[in-house]
């Protein structure tokens, strides 16, 4: 940890905390393909910040690297994968 906590470091810690909570909620599985995932998986924003999305649990999901990069392709025609994880 750096000697002084910078804004960038605080952002990294916040994203790590979000990722840990989402991994638990998703049973450590990628919601696209069902592969087991861990902390090295990718944090994905449902609505990008540049499009007005807010950082946080409600706008995030954790994906395996293959699904996040889009190599699989078949998920693009499915209904949004995060629907099964939405809070009710």
Protein backbone atom coordinates (compact mmCIF):
# COMPACT_ATOMS: atom_id res chain seq x y z
CA UNK A 1 0.00 0.00 0.00
CA UNK A 2 1.36 3.42 -0.85
CA UNK A 3 2.35 5.69 2.04
CA UNK A 4 -0.40 8.19 1.20
CA UNK A 5 -3.85 7.07 0.21
CA UNK A 6 -4.51 8.76 -3.11
CA UNK A 7 -7.84 9.13 -4.87
CA UNK A 8 -6.76 6.45 -7.36
CA UNK A 9 -5.92 4.04 -4.54
CA UNK A 10 -9.33 4.68 -2.93
CA UNK A 11 -11.00 3.88 -6.27
CA UNK A 12 -9.08 0.61 -6.52
CA UNK A 13 -10.13 -0.38 -3.00
CA UNK A 14 -13.78 0.51 -3.68
CA UNK A 15 -13.82 -1.59 -6.88
CA UNK A 16 -12.22 -4.50 -5.01
CA UNK A 17 -14.95 -4.34 -2.36
CA UNK A 18 -17.68 -4.24 -5.02
CA UNK A 19 -16.10 -7.19 -6.82
CA UNK A 20 -15.96 -9.24 -3.60
CA UNK A 21 -19.65 -8.58 -2.87
CA UNK A 22 -20.70 -9.40 -6.43
CA UNK A 23 -18.65 -12.61 -6.48
CA UNK A 24 -20.50 -13.78 -3.38
CA UNK A 25 -23.89 -12.81 -4.85
CA UNK A 26 -23.06 -14.61 -8.12
CA UNK A 27 -21.85 -17.76 -6.31
CA UNK A 28 -18.44 -17.15 -7.87
CA UNK A 29 -19.77 -18.00 -11.34
CA UNK A 30 -19.72 -16.00 -14.55
CA UNK A 31 -23.37 -15.16 -15.30
CA UNK A 32 -22.79 -15.59 -19.07
CA UNK A 33 -21.12 -18.97 -19.25
CA UNK A 34 -21.25 -20.39 -15.71
CA UNK A 35 -17.47 -20.79 -15.38
CA UNK A 36 -16.01 -20.45 -11.90
CA UNK A 37 -14.49 -16.99 -11.36
CA UNK A 38 -12.35 -15.35 -8.70
CA UNK A 39 -10.90 -11.93 -7.88
CA UNK A 40 -8.94 -11.91 -11.15
CA UNK A 41 -12.23 -11.78 -13.09
CA UNK A 42 -13.37 -8.55 -14.77
CA UNK A 43 -15.68 -6.00 -13.17
CA UNK A 44 -18.16 -4.88 -15.85
CA UNK A 45 -20.48 -1.87 -15.75
CA UNK A 46 -23.97 -2.50 -17.12
CA UNK A 47 -24.31 1.18 -18.05
CA UNK A 48 -20.94 2.79 -18.70
CA UNK A 49 -20.04 5.86 -16.66
CA UNK A 50 -19.62 7.77 -19.91
CA UNK A 51 -23.30 7.03 -20.62
CA UNK A 52 -24.45 8.17 -17.17
CA UNK A 53 -24.01 4.93 -15.23
CA UNK A 54 -23.07 5.20 -11.58
CA UNK A 55 -20.37 3.10 -9.95
CA UNK A 56 -21.69 0.58 -7.45
CA UNK A 57 -23.31 -2.80 -6.93
CA UNK A 58 -26.49 -2.03 -8.85
CA UNK A 59 -24.58 -1.14 -12.02
CA UNK A 60 -21.91 -3.84 -11.92
CA UNK A 61 -21.40 -7.51 -12.62
CA UNK A 62 -18.30 -9.73 -12.55
CA UNK A 63 -17.49 -11.66 -15.74
CA UNK A 64 -14.82 -14.17 -16.73
CA UNK A 65 -12.22 -12.70 -19.07
CA UNK A 66 -13.57 -14.55 -22.13
CA UNK A 67 -17.08 -13.19 -21.71
CA UNK A 68 -15.91 -9.70 -20.82
CA UNK A 69 -13.67 -9.46 -23.86
CA UNK A 70 -16.52 -10.83 -25.99
CA UNK A 71 -14.81 -13.88 -27.48
CA UNK A 72 -17.88 -16.05 -26.93
CA UNK A 73 -20.29 -13.85 -28.86
CA UNK A 74 -23.39 -15.99 -28.27
CA UNK A 75 -24.40 -14.02 -25.17
CA UNK A 76 -25.10 -10.92 -27.24
CA UNK A 77 -28.53 -12.26 -28.25
CA UNK A 78 -29.62 -13.29 -24.77
CA UNK A 79 -31.60 -11.14 -22.42
CA UNK A 80 -29.41 -9.11 -20.09
CA UNK A 81 -27.37 -11.50 -17.97
CA UNK A 82 -27.61 -9.37 -14.85
CA UNK A 83 -31.39 -9.77 -14.57
CA UNK A 84 -31.02 -12.94 -12.52
CA UNK A 85 -28.87 -11.05 -10.00
CA UNK A 86 -31.00 -7.94 -9.59
CA UNK A 87 -32.18 -7.13 -6.11
CA UNK A 88 -35.89 -7.39 -5.57
